[in-house]
Amino acid sequence: LSGVVVAGLVFLAVAGIIKLIGTGWIDRILPPVLIASIIIVIGVGLSA
């Protein structure tokens, strides 16, 4: 459970970094074809 608590702090740290650098990079590294493919993986990956 101590690892779980610190995992939450990691989330907060990443959130802080993204707050500083912005979210514009998401559009550059995640084009529509990649986002759509990831969404398909999320849905079909749970099918089993």
PDB file of all heavy atoms in Angstrom:
ATOM      1  N   LEU A   1       0.815  -1.210   0.000  1.00  0.00           N
ATOM      2  CA  LEU A   1       0.000   0.000   0.000  1.00  0.00           C
ATOM      3  C   LEU A   1       0.852   1.265   0.000  1.00  0.00           C
ATOM      4  O   LEU A   1       0.437   2.298  -0.524  1.00  0.00           O
ATOM      5  CB  LEU A   1      -0.946  -0.002   1.202  1.00  0.00           C
ATOM      6  CG  LEU A   1      -2.082  -1.029   1.150  1.00  0.00           C
ATOM      7  CD1 LEU A   1      -2.842  -1.057   2.477  1.00  0.00           C
ATOM      8  CD2 LEU A   1      -3.031  -0.730   0.006  1.00  0.00           C
ATOM      9  N   SER A   2       2.057   1.212   0.578  1.00  0.00           N
ATOM     10  CA  SER A   2       2.942   2.374   0.517  1.00  0.00           C
ATOM     11  C   SER A   2       3.355   2.653  -0.922  1.00  0.00           C
ATOM     12  O   SER A   2       3.499   3.810  -1.325  1.00  0.00           O
ATOM     13  CB  SER A   2       4.170   2.164   1.408  1.00  0.00           C
ATOM     14  OG  SER A   2       5.036   1.155   0.882  1.00  0.00           O
ATOM     15  N   GLY A   3       3.545   1.583  -1.707  1.00  0.00           N
ATOM     16  CA  GLY A   3       3.828   1.747  -3.125  1.00  0.00           C
ATOM     17  C   GLY A   3       2.663   2.364  -3.876  1.00  0.00           C
ATOM     18  O   GLY A   3       2.847   3.157  -4.801  1.00  0.00           O
ATOM     19  N   VAL A   4       1.437   2.008  -3.468  1.00  0.00           N
ATOM     20  CA  VAL A   4       0.237   2.586  -4.076  1.00  0.00           C
ATOM     21  C   VAL A   4       0.177   4.088  -3.820  1.00  0.00           C
ATOM     22  O   VAL A   4      -0.114   4.879  -4.720  1.00  0.00           O
ATOM     23  CB  VAL A   4      -1.030   1.891  -3.544  1.00  0.00           C
ATOM     24  CG1 VAL A   4      -2.287   2.605  -4.049  1.00  0.00           C
ATOM     25  CG2 VAL A   4      -1.048   0.421  -3.950  1.00  0.00           C
ATOM     26  N   VAL A   5       0.480   4.496  -2.585  1.00  0.00           N
ATOM     27  CA  VAL A   5       0.460   5.918  -2.234  1.00  0.00           C
ATOM     28  C   VAL A   5       1.451   6.697  -3.097  1.00  0.00           C
ATOM     29  O   VAL A   5       1.125   7.744  -3.665  1.00  0.00           O
ATOM     30  CB  VAL A   5       0.775   6.125  -0.744  1.00  0.00           C
ATOM     31  CG1 VAL A   5       0.930   7.619  -0.441  1.00  0.00           C
ATOM     32  CG2 VAL A   5      -0.316   5.517   0.129  1.00  0.00           C
ATOM     33  N   VAL A   6       2.666   6.171  -3.215  1.00  0.00           N
ATOM     34  CA  VAL A   6       3.687   6.861  -4.000  1.00  0.00           C
ATOM     35  C   VAL A   6       3.337   6.836  -5.490  1.00  0.00           C
ATOM     36  O   VAL A   6       3.652   7.771  -6.225  1.00  0.00           O
ATOM     37  CB  VAL A   6       5.074   6.242  -3.747  1.00  0.00           C
ATOM     38  CG1 VAL A   6       6.140   6.931  -4.596  1.00  0.00           C
ATOM     39  CG2 VAL A   6       5.440   6.352  -2.273  1.00  0.00           C
ATOM     40  N   ALA A   7       2.663   5.783  -5.956  1.00  0.00           N
ATOM     41  CA  ALA A   7       2.191   5.752  -7.344  1.00  0.00           C
ATOM     42  C   ALA A   7       1.261   6.932  -7.612  1.00  0.00           C
ATOM     43  O   ALA A   7       1.304   7.547  -8.685  1.00  0.00           O
ATOM     44  CB  ALA A   7       1.476   4.432  -7.628  1.00  0.00           C
ATOM     45  N   GLY A   8       0.425   7.249  -6.633  1.00  0.00           N
ATOM     46  CA  GLY A   8      -0.434   8.422  -6.762  1.00  0.00           C
ATOM     47  C   GLY A   8       0.369   9.702  -6.874  1.00  0.00           C
ATOM     48  O   GLY A   8       0.020  10.609  -7.641  1.00  0.00           O
ATOM     49  N   LEU A   9       1.494   9.773  -6.128  1.00  0.00           N
ATOM     50  CA  LEU A   9       2.362  10.946  -6.214  1.00  0.00           C
ATOM     51  C   LEU A   9       3.027  11.043  -7.585  1.00  0.00           C
ATOM     52  O   LEU A   9       3.273  12.147  -8.086  1.00  0.00           O
ATOM     53  CB  LEU A   9       3.424  10.896  -5.110  1.00  0.00           C
ATOM     54  CG  LEU A   9       2.899  10.928  -3.658  1.00  0.00           C
ATOM     55  CD1 LEU A   9       4.061  10.825  -2.678  1.00  0.00           C
ATOM     56  CD2 LEU A   9       2.070  12.176  -3.405  1.00  0.00           C
ATOM     57  N   VAL A  10       3.311   9.885  -8.197  1.00  0.00           N
ATOM     58  CA  VAL A  10       3.871   9.876  -9.552  1.00  0.00           C
ATOM     59  C   VAL A  10       2.870  10.485 -10.533  1.00  0.00           C
ATOM     60  O   VAL A  10       3.235  11.287 -11.399  1.00  0.00           O
ATOM     61  CB  VAL A  10       4.252   8.443  -9.983  1.00  0.00           C
ATOM     62  CG1 VAL A  10       4.663   8.425 -11.456  1.00  0.00           C
ATOM     63  CG2 VAL A  10       5.374   7.899  -9.110  1.00  0.00           C
ATOM     64  N   PHE A  11       1.606  10.121 -10.401  1.00  0.00           N
ATOM     65  CA  PHE A  11       0.550  10.724 -11.222  1.00  0.00           C
ATOM     66  C   PHE A  11       0.560  12.244 -11.077  1.00  0.00           C
ATOM     67  O   PHE A  11       0.477  12.981 -12.066  1.00  0.00           O
ATOM     68  CB  PHE A  11      -0.824  10.198 -10.809  1.00  0.00           C
ATOM     69  CG  PHE A  11      -1.228   8.919 -11.478  1.00  0.00           C
ATOM     70  CD1 PHE A  11      -1.274   7.735 -10.775  1.00  0.00           C
ATOM     71  CD2 PHE A  11      -1.585   8.902 -12.816  1.00  0.00           C
ATOM     72  CE1 PHE A  11      -1.659   6.552 -11.380  1.00  0.00           C
ATOM     73  CE2 PHE A  11      -1.972   7.723 -13.433  1.00  0.00           C
ATOM     74  CZ  PHE A  11      -2.005   6.550 -12.710  1.00  0.00           C
ATOM     75  N   LEU A  12       0.645  12.698  -9.837  1.00  0.00           N
ATOM     76  CA  LEU A  12       0.631  14.140  -9.582  1.00  0.00           C
ATOM     77  C   LEU A  12       1.857  14.815 -10.189  1.00  0.00           C
ATOM     78  O   LEU A  12       1.758  15.930 -10.724  1.00  0.00           O
ATOM     79  CB  LEU A  12       0.566  14.395  -8.071  1.00  0.00           C
ATOM     80  CG  LEU A  12      -0.750  14.006  -7.382  1.00  0.00           C
ATOM     81  CD1 LEU A  12      -0.619  14.096  -5.867  1.00  0.00           C
ATOM     82  CD2 LEU A  12      -1.888  14.902  -7.863  1.00  0.00           C
ATOM     83  N   ALA A  13       3.021  14.160 -10.105  1.00  0.00           N
ATOM     84  CA  ALA A  13       4.242  14.718 -10.677  1.00  0.00           C
ATOM     85  C   ALA A  13       4.123  14.846 -12.196  1.00  0.00           C
ATOM     86  O   ALA A  13       4.487  15.873 -12.781  1.00  0.00           O
ATOM     87  CB  ALA A  13       5.446  13.853 -10.303  1.00  0.00           C
ATOM     88  N   VAL A  14       3.607  13.792 -12.847  1.00  0.00           N
ATOM     89  CA  VAL A  14       3.421  13.829 -14.299  1.00  0.00           C
ATOM     90  C   VAL A  14       2.421  14.912 -14.683  1.00  0.00           C
ATOM     91  O   VAL A  14       2.614  15.637 -15.663  1.00  0.00           O
ATOM     92  CB  VAL A  14       2.955  12.455 -14.822  1.00  0.00           C
ATOM     93  CG1 VAL A  14       2.611  12.540 -16.311  1.00  0.00           C
ATOM     94  CG2 VAL A  14       4.024  11.398 -14.594  1.00  0.00           C
ATOM     95  N   ALA A  15       1.355  15.043 -13.890  1.00  0.00           N
ATOM     96  CA  ALA A  15       0.357  16.086 -14.140  1.00  0.00           C
ATOM     97  C   ALA A  15       0.999  17.468 -14.068  1.00  0.00           C
ATOM     98  O   ALA A  15       0.708  18.342 -14.894  1.00  0.00           O
ATOM     99  CB  ALA A  15      -0.783  15.973 -13.129  1.00  0.00           C
ATOM    100  N   GLY A  16       1.881  17.669 -13.085  1.00  0.00           N
ATOM    101  CA  GLY A  16       2.572  18.946 -12.945  1.00  0.00           C
ATOM    102  C   GLY A  16       3.481  19.245 -14.125  1.00  0.00           C
ATOM    103  O   GLY A  16       3.540  20.389 -14.609  1.00  0.00           O
ATOM    104  N   ILE A  17       4.200  18.217 -14.600  1.00  0.00           N
ATOM    105  CA  ILE A  17       5.093  18.396 -15.748  1.00  0.00           C
ATOM    106  C   ILE A  17       4.300  18.773 -16.996  1.00  0.00           C
ATOM    107  O   ILE A  17       4.675  19.690 -17.730  1.00  0.00           O
ATOM    108  CB  ILE A  17       5.911  17.110 -15.983  1.00  0.00           C
ATOM    109  CG1 ILE A  17       6.876  16.873 -14.822  1.00  0.00           C
ATOM    110  CG2 ILE A  17       6.672  17.195 -17.306  1.00  0.00           C
ATOM    111  CD1 ILE A  17       7.569  15.528 -14.869  1.00  0.00           C
ATOM    112  N   ILE A  18       3.197  18.063 -17.231  1.00  0.00           N
ATOM    113  CA  ILE A  18       2.370  18.354 -18.402  1.00  0.00           C
ATOM    114  C   ILE A  18       1.748  19.744 -18.297  1.00  0.00           C
ATOM    115  O   ILE A  18       1.602  20.455 -19.289  1.00  0.00           O
ATOM    116  CB  ILE A  18       1.277  17.279 -18.571  1.00  0.00           C
ATOM    117  CG1 ILE A  18       1.923  15.931 -18.888  1.00  0.00           C
ATOM    118  CG2 ILE A  18       0.300  17.666 -19.684  1.00  0.00           C
ATOM    119  CD1 ILE A  18       0.943  14.780 -18.982  1.00  0.00           C
ATOM    120  N   LYS A  19       1.418  20.153 -17.076  1.00  0.00           N
ATOM    121  CA  LYS A  19       0.892  21.505 -16.857  1.00  0.00           C
ATOM    122  C   LYS A  19       1.909  22.558 -17.286  1.00  0.00           C
ATOM    123  O   LYS A  19       1.550  23.593 -17.865  1.00  0.00           O
ATOM    124  CB  LYS A  19       0.518  21.684 -15.385  1.00  0.00           C
ATOM    125  CG  LYS A  19      -0.007  23.062 -15.024  1.00  0.00           C
ATOM    126  CD  LYS A  19      -1.362  23.329 -15.644  1.00  0.00           C
ATOM    127  CE  LYS A  19      -1.937  24.649 -15.180  1.00  0.00           C
ATOM    128  NZ  LYS A  19      -3.256  24.938 -15.823  1.00  0.00           N
ATOM    129  N   LEU A  20       3.183  22.277 -17.015  1.00  0.00           N
ATOM    130  CA  LEU A  20       4.242  23.228 -17.345  1.00  0.00           C
ATOM    131  C   LEU A  20       4.533  23.264 -18.841  1.00  0.00           C
ATOM    132  O   LEU A  20       4.717  24.336 -19.422  1.00  0.00           O
ATOM    133  CB  LEU A  20       5.517  22.887 -16.574  1.00  0.00           C
ATOM    134  CG  LEU A  20       5.491  23.123 -15.054  1.00  0.00           C
ATOM    135  CD1 LEU A  20       6.769  22.588 -14.414  1.00  0.00           C
ATOM    136  CD2 LEU A  20       5.311  24.609 -14.743  1.00  0.00           C
ATOM    137  N   ILE A  21       4.588  22.076 -19.484  1.00  0.00           N
ATOM    138  CA  ILE A  21       4.989  22.018 -20.892  1.00  0.00           C
ATOM    139  C   ILE A  21       3.809  22.108 -21.846  1.00  0.00           C
ATOM    140  O   ILE A  21       3.981  22.276 -23.049  1.00  0.00           O
ATOM    141  CB  ILE A  21       5.805  20.736 -21.185  1.00  0.00           C
ATOM    142  CG1 ILE A  21       4.929  19.485 -21.019  1.00  0.00           C
ATOM    143  CG2 ILE A  21       7.021  20.665 -20.271  1.00  0.00           C
ATOM    144  CD1 ILE A  21       5.649  18.194 -21.400  1.00  0.00           C
ATOM    145  N   GLY A  22       2.571  21.985 -21.315  1.00  0.00           N
ATOM    146  CA  GLY A  22       1.391  22.063 -22.147  1.00  0.00           C
ATOM    147  C   GLY A  22       1.012  20.720 -22.765  1.00  0.00           C
ATOM    148  O   GLY A  22       1.705  19.709 -22.581  1.00  0.00           O
ATOM    149  N   THR A  23      -0.074  20.705 -23.528  1.00  0.00           N
ATOM    150  CA  THR A  23      -0.565  19.474 -24.147  1.00  0.00           C
ATOM    151  C   THR A  23      -0.459  19.483 -25.671  1.00  0.00           C
ATOM    152  O   THR A  23      -0.944  18.575 -26.340  1.00  0.00           O
ATOM    153  CB  THR A  23      -2.045  19.232 -23.761  1.00  0.00           C
ATOM    154  OG1 THR A  23      -2.832  20.370 -24.173  1.00  0.00           O
ATOM    155  CG2 THR A  23      -2.186  19.035 -22.262  1.00  0.00           C
ATOM    156  N   GLY A  24       0.211  20.503 -26.211  1.00  0.00           N
ATOM    157  CA  GLY A  24       0.349  20.574 -27.660  1.00  0.00           C
ATOM    158  C   GLY A  24       1.075  19.381 -28.250  1.00  0.00           C
ATOM    159  O   GLY A  24       0.816  18.986 -29.390  1.00  0.00           O
ATOM    160  N   TRP A  25       1.985  18.794 -27.482  1.00  0.00           N
ATOM    161  CA  TRP A  25       2.760  17.650 -27.962  1.00  0.00           C
ATOM    162  C   TRP A  25       1.875  16.444 -28.255  1.00  0.00           C
ATOM    163  O   TRP A  25       2.251  15.589 -29.081  1.00  0.00           O
ATOM    164  CB  TRP A  25       3.812  17.261 -26.919  1.00  0.00           C
ATOM    165  CG  TRP A  25       3.240  16.968 -25.551  1.00  0.00           C
ATOM    166  CD1 TRP A  25       2.983  17.864 -24.573  1.00  0.00           C
ATOM    167  CD2 TRP A  25       2.849  15.690 -25.033  1.00  0.00           C
ATOM    168  NE1 TRP A  25       2.454  17.245 -23.465  1.00  0.00           N
ATOM    169  CE2 TRP A  25       2.358  15.908 -23.720  1.00  0.00           C
ATOM    170  CE3 TRP A  25       2.867  14.395 -25.538  1.00  0.00           C
ATOM    171  CZ2 TRP A  25       1.897  14.885 -22.916  1.00  0.00           C
ATOM    172  CZ3 TRP A  25       2.400  13.353 -24.745  1.00  0.00           C
ATOM    173  CH2 TRP A  25       1.916  13.612 -23.446  1.00  0.00           C
ATOM    174  N   ILE A  26       0.714  16.378 -27.594  1.00  0.00           N
ATOM    175  CA  ILE A  26      -0.170  15.233 -27.812  1.00  0.00           C
ATOM    176  C   ILE A  26      -0.668  15.203 -29.250  1.00  0.00           C
ATOM    177  O   ILE A  26      -0.736  14.145 -29.882  1.00  0.00           O
ATOM    178  CB  ILE A  26      -1.342  15.271 -26.819  1.00  0.00           C
ATOM    179  CG1 ILE A  26      -0.827  15.098 -25.393  1.00  0.00           C
ATOM    180  CG2 ILE A  26      -2.363  14.187 -27.142  1.00  0.00           C
ATOM    181  CD1 ILE A  26      -1.894  15.166 -24.336  1.00  0.00           C
ATOM    182  N   ASP A  27      -1.015  16.376 -29.779  1.00  0.00           N
ATOM    183  CA  ASP A  27      -1.473  16.437 -31.167  1.00  0.00           C
ATOM    184  C   ASP A  27      -0.377  16.033 -32.139  1.00  0.00           C
ATOM    185  O   ASP A  27      -0.655  15.478 -33.207  1.00  0.00           O
ATOM    186  CB  ASP A  27      -1.962  17.845 -31.510  1.00  0.00           C
ATOM    187  CG  ASP A  27      -3.282  18.180 -30.836  1.00  0.00           C
ATOM    188  OD1 ASP A  27      -3.982  17.242 -30.418  1.00  0.00           O
ATOM    189  OD2 ASP A  27      -3.610  19.375 -30.716  1.00  0.00           O
ATOM    190  N   ARG A  28       0.877  16.312 -31.789  1.00  0.00           N
ATOM    191  CA  ARG A  28       1.995  15.995 -32.683  1.00  0.00           C
ATOM    192  C   ARG A  28       2.350  14.509 -32.675  1.00  0.00           C
ATOM    193  O   ARG A  28       2.671  13.940 -33.718  1.00  0.00           O
ATOM    194  CB  ARG A  28       3.225  16.830 -32.312  1.00  0.00           C
ATOM    195  CG  ARG A  28       3.072  18.321 -32.583  1.00  0.00           C
ATOM    196  CD  ARG A  28       4.376  19.051 -32.475  1.00  0.00           C
ATOM    197  NE  ARG A  28       4.896  19.057 -31.118  1.00  0.00           N
ATOM    198  CZ  ARG A  28       4.571  19.965 -30.192  1.00  0.00           C
ATOM    199  NH1 ARG A  28       3.745  20.951 -30.493  1.00  0.00           N
ATOM    200  NH2 ARG A  28       5.091  19.898 -28.976  1.00  0.00           N
ATOM    201  N   ILE A  29       2.313  13.883 -31.497  1.00  0.00           N
ATOM    202  CA  ILE A  29       2.742  12.485 -31.424  1.00  0.00           C
ATOM    203  C   ILE A  29       1.585  11.500 -31.481  1.00  0.00           C
ATOM    204  O   ILE A  29       1.797  10.298 -31.659  1.00  0.00           O
ATOM    205  CB  ILE A  29       3.570  12.213 -30.156  1.00  0.00           C
ATOM    206  CG1 ILE A  29       2.703  12.270 -28.905  1.00  0.00           C
ATOM    207  CG2 ILE A  29       4.730  13.183 -30.045  1.00  0.00           C
ATOM    208  CD1 ILE A  29       3.442  11.810 -27.661  1.00  0.00           C
ATOM    209  N   LEU A  30       0.343  12.017 -31.358  1.00  0.00           N
ATOM    210  CA  LEU A  30      -0.821  11.135 -31.408  1.00  0.00           C
ATOM    211  C   LEU A  30      -1.777  11.599 -32.499  1.00  0.00           C
ATOM    212  O   LEU A  30      -2.792  12.247 -32.236  1.00  0.00           O
ATOM    213  CB  LEU A  30      -1.541  11.115 -30.052  1.00  0.00           C
ATOM    214  CG  LEU A  30      -0.790  10.488 -28.873  1.00  0.00           C
ATOM    215  CD1 LEU A  30      -1.552  10.707 -27.568  1.00  0.00           C
ATOM    216  CD2 LEU A  30      -0.579   8.996 -29.106  1.00  0.00           C
ATOM    217  N   PRO A  31      -1.482  11.277 -33.773  1.00  0.00           N
ATOM    218  CA  PRO A  31      -2.376  11.653 -34.866  1.00  0.00           C
ATOM    219  C   PRO A  31      -3.665  10.844 -34.813  1.00  0.00           C
ATOM    220  O   PRO A  31      -3.743   9.828 -34.121  1.00  0.00           O
ATOM    221  CB  PRO A  31      -1.562  11.300 -36.111  1.00  0.00           C
ATOM    222  CG  PRO A  31      -0.685  10.180 -35.662  1.00  0.00           C
ATOM    223  CD  PRO A  31      -0.318  10.509 -34.238  1.00  0.00           C
ATOM    224  N   PRO A  32      -4.697  11.254 -35.562  1.00  0.00           N
ATOM    225  CA  PRO A  32      -5.982  10.549 -35.521  1.00  0.00           C
ATOM    226  C   PRO A  32      -5.887   9.059 -35.804  1.00  0.00           C
ATOM    227  O   PRO A  32      -6.566   8.260 -35.161  1.00  0.00           O
ATOM    228  CB  PRO A  32      -6.810  11.272 -36.591  1.00  0.00           C
ATOM    229  CG  PRO A  32      -6.231  12.642 -36.634  1.00  0.00           C
ATOM    230  CD  PRO A  32      -4.764  12.479 -36.372  1.00  0.00           C
ATOM    231  N   VAL A  33      -5.053   8.653 -36.758  1.00  0.00           N
ATOM    232  CA  VAL A  33      -4.953   7.230 -37.091  1.00  0.00           C
ATOM    233  C   VAL A  33      -4.412   6.437 -35.905  1.00  0.00           C
ATOM    234  O   VAL A  33      -4.841   5.295 -35.660  1.00  0.00           O
ATOM    235  CB  VAL A  33      -4.072   7.008 -38.340  1.00  0.00           C
ATOM    236  CG1 VAL A  33      -2.618   7.429 -38.087  1.00  0.00           C
ATOM    237  CG2 VAL A  33      -4.143   5.560 -38.789  1.00  0.00           C
ATOM    238  N   LEU A  34      -3.491   7.012 -35.138  1.00  0.00           N
ATOM    239  CA  LEU A  34      -2.929   6.329 -33.984  1.00  0.00           C
ATOM    240  C   LEU A  34      -3.923   6.308 -32.828  1.00  0.00           C
ATOM    241  O   LEU A  34      -4.095   5.283 -32.157  1.00  0.00           O
ATOM    242  CB  LEU A  34      -1.626   7.000 -33.554  1.00  0.00           C
ATOM    243  CG  LEU A  34      -0.918   6.415 -32.322  1.00  0.00           C
ATOM    244  CD1 LEU A  34      -0.711   4.919 -32.472  1.00  0.00           C
ATOM    245  CD2 LEU A  34       0.416   7.124 -32.099  1.00  0.00           C
ATOM    246  N   ILE A  35      -4.590   7.436 -32.586  1.00  0.00           N
ATOM    247  CA  ILE A  35      -5.589   7.493 -31.515  1.00  0.00           C
ATOM    248  C   ILE A  35      -6.696   6.479 -31.778  1.00  0.00           C
ATOM    249  O   ILE A  35      -7.086   5.720 -30.883  1.00  0.00           O
ATOM    250  CB  ILE A  35      -6.177   8.909 -31.396  1.00  0.00           C
ATOM    251  CG1 ILE A  35      -5.122   9.895 -30.901  1.00  0.00           C
ATOM    252  CG2 ILE A  35      -7.370   8.905 -30.427  1.00  0.00           C
ATOM    253  CD1 ILE A  35      -5.602  11.322 -30.886  1.00  0.00           C
ATOM    254  N   ALA A  36      -7.205   6.462 -33.000  1.00  0.00           N
ATOM    255  CA  ALA A  36      -8.278   5.528 -33.346  1.00  0.00           C
ATOM    256  C   ALA A  36      -7.836   4.088 -33.160  1.00  0.00           C
ATOM    257  O   ALA A  36      -8.588   3.252 -32.657  1.00  0.00           O
ATOM    258  CB  ALA A  36      -8.740   5.768 -34.783  1.00  0.00           C
ATOM    259  N   SER A  37      -6.598   3.799 -33.547  1.00  0.00           N
ATOM    260  CA  SER A  37      -6.072   2.438 -33.406  1.00  0.00           C
ATOM    261  C   SER A  37      -5.954   2.053 -31.936  1.00  0.00           C
ATOM    262  O   SER A  37      -6.254   0.912 -31.554  1.00  0.00           O
ATOM    263  CB  SER A  37      -4.707   2.328 -34.096  1.00  0.00           C
ATOM    264  OG  SER A  37      -4.812   2.603 -35.486  1.00  0.00           O
ATOM    265  N   ILE A  38      -5.510   2.994 -31.093  1.00  0.00           N
ATOM    266  CA  ILE A  38      -5.407   2.730 -29.660  1.00  0.00           C
ATOM    267  C   ILE A  38      -6.789   2.477 -29.054  1.00  0.00           C
ATOM    268  O   ILE A  38      -6.963   1.583 -28.222  1.00  0.00           O
ATOM    269  CB  ILE A  38      -4.707   3.906 -28.942  1.00  0.00           C
ATOM    270  CG1 ILE A  38      -3.233   3.987 -29.368  1.00  0.00           C
ATOM    271  CG2 ILE A  38      -4.799   3.745 -27.425  1.00  0.00           C
ATOM    272  CD1 ILE A  38      -2.518   5.218 -28.862  1.00  0.00           C
ATOM    273  N   ILE A  39      -7.777   3.257 -29.485  1.00  0.00           N
ATOM    274  CA  ILE A  39      -9.141   3.060 -29.011  1.00  0.00           C
ATOM    275  C   ILE A  39      -9.640   1.662 -29.386  1.00  0.00           C
ATOM    276  O   ILE A  39     -10.274   0.976 -28.582  1.00  0.00           O
ATOM    277  CB  ILE A  39     -10.082   4.149 -29.570  1.00  0.00           C
ATOM    278  CG1 ILE A  39      -9.709   5.512 -28.993  1.00  0.00           C
ATOM    279  CG2 ILE A  39     -11.544   3.827 -29.257  1.00  0.00           C
ATOM    280  CD1 ILE A  39     -10.480   6.675 -29.607  1.00  0.00           C
ATOM    281  N   ILE A  40      -9.348   1.239 -30.601  1.00  0.00           N
ATOM    282  CA  ILE A  40      -9.733  -0.105 -31.034  1.00  0.00           C
ATOM    283  C   ILE A  40      -9.047  -1.163 -30.171  1.00  0.00           C
ATOM    284  O   ILE A  40      -9.660  -2.156 -29.770  1.00  0.00           O
ATOM    285  CB  ILE A  40      -9.387  -0.310 -32.522  1.00  0.00           C
ATOM    286  CG1 ILE A  40     -10.269   0.584 -33.395  1.00  0.00           C
ATOM    287  CG2 ILE A  40      -9.574  -1.771 -32.932  1.00  0.00           C
ATOM    288  CD1 ILE A  40      -9.865   0.620 -34.854  1.00  0.00           C
ATOM    289  N   VAL A  41      -7.776  -0.944 -29.862  1.00  0.00           N
ATOM    290  CA  VAL A  41      -7.037  -1.885 -29.013  1.00  0.00           C
ATOM    291  C   VAL A  41      -7.671  -1.966 -27.624  1.00  0.00           C
ATOM    292  O   VAL A  41      -7.815  -3.057 -27.063  1.00  0.00           O
ATOM    293  CB  VAL A  41      -5.553  -1.469 -28.903  1.00  0.00           C
ATOM    294  CG1 VAL A  41      -4.846  -2.281 -27.819  1.00  0.00           C
ATOM    295  CG2 VAL A  41      -4.847  -1.664 -30.234  1.00  0.00           C
ATOM    296  N   ILE A  42      -8.052  -0.815 -27.070  1.00  0.00           N
ATOM    297  CA  ILE A  42      -8.673  -0.802 -25.745  1.00  0.00           C
ATOM    298  C   ILE A  42      -9.940  -1.653 -25.742  1.00  0.00           C
ATOM    299  O   ILE A  42     -10.162  -2.461 -24.841  1.00  0.00           O
ATOM    300  CB  ILE A  42      -8.989   0.644 -25.297  1.00  0.00           C
ATOM    301  CG1 ILE A  42      -7.685   1.417 -25.053  1.00  0.00           C
ATOM    302  CG2 ILE A  42      -9.845   0.650 -24.028  1.00  0.00           C
ATOM    303  CD1 ILE A  42      -7.900   2.893 -24.770  1.00  0.00           C
ATOM    304  N   GLY A  43     -10.792  -1.467 -26.766  1.00  0.00           N
ATOM    305  CA  GLY A  43     -12.047  -2.204 -26.823  1.00  0.00           C
ATOM    306  C   GLY A  43     -11.864  -3.676 -27.148  1.00  0.00           C
ATOM    307  O   GLY A  43     -12.321  -4.554 -26.400  1.00  0.00           O
ATOM    308  N   VAL A  44     -11.155  -3.957 -28.246  1.00  0.00           N
ATOM    309  CA  VAL A  44     -10.978  -5.346 -28.680  1.00  0.00           C
ATOM    310  C   VAL A  44     -10.060  -6.099 -27.716  1.00  0.00           C
ATOM    311  O   VAL A  44     -10.225  -7.294 -27.492  1.00  0.00           O
ATOM    312  CB  VAL A  44     -10.421  -5.412 -30.115  1.00  0.00           C
ATOM    313  CG1 VAL A  44     -10.257  -6.869 -30.566  1.00  0.00           C
ATOM    314  CG2 VAL A  44     -11.351  -4.682 -31.083  1.00  0.00           C
ATOM    315  N   GLY A  45      -9.089  -5.397 -27.127  1.00  0.00           N
ATOM    316  CA  GLY A  45      -8.184  -6.035 -26.179  1.00  0.00           C
ATOM    317  C   GLY A  45      -8.894  -6.592 -24.963  1.00  0.00           C
ATOM    318  O   GLY A  45      -8.427  -7.538 -24.334  1.00  0.00           O
ATOM    319  N   LEU A  46     -10.036  -5.997 -24.625  1.00  0.00           N
ATOM    320  CA  LEU A  46     -10.827  -6.480 -23.500  1.00  0.00           C
ATOM    321  C   LEU A  46     -11.770  -7.612 -23.901  1.00  0.00           C
ATOM    322  O   LEU A  46     -12.417  -8.210 -23.037  1.00  0.00           O
ATOM    323  CB  LEU A  46     -11.648  -5.331 -22.896  1.00  0.00           C
ATOM    324  CG  LEU A  46     -10.846  -4.229 -22.187  1.00  0.00           C
ATOM    325  CD1 LEU A  46     -11.738  -3.009 -21.951  1.00  0.00           C
ATOM    326  CD2 LEU A  46     -10.276  -4.731 -20.876  1.00  0.00           C
ATOM    327  N   SER A  47     -11.843  -7.891 -25.193  1.00  0.00           N
ATOM    328  CA  SER A  47     -12.811  -8.865 -25.683  1.00  0.00           C
ATOM    329  C   SER A  47     -12.574 -10.263 -25.123  1.00  0.00           C
ATOM    330  O   SER A  47     -13.527 -10.993 -24.846  1.00  0.00           O
ATOM    331  CB  SER A  47     -12.797  -8.911 -27.219  1.00  0.00           C
ATOM    332  OG  SER A  47     -11.524  -9.356 -27.700  1.00  0.00           O
ATOM    333  N   ALA A  48     -11.301 -10.642 -24.957  1.00  0.00           N
ATOM    334  CA  ALA A  48     -11.004 -11.971 -24.431  1.00  0.00           C
ATOM    335  C   ALA A  48     -11.575 -12.146 -23.032  1.00  0.00           C
ATOM    336  O   ALA A  48     -12.107 -13.209 -22.694  1.00  0.00           O
ATOM    337  CB  ALA A  48      -9.494 -12.214 -24.424  1.00  0.00           C
TER     338      ALA A  48
END
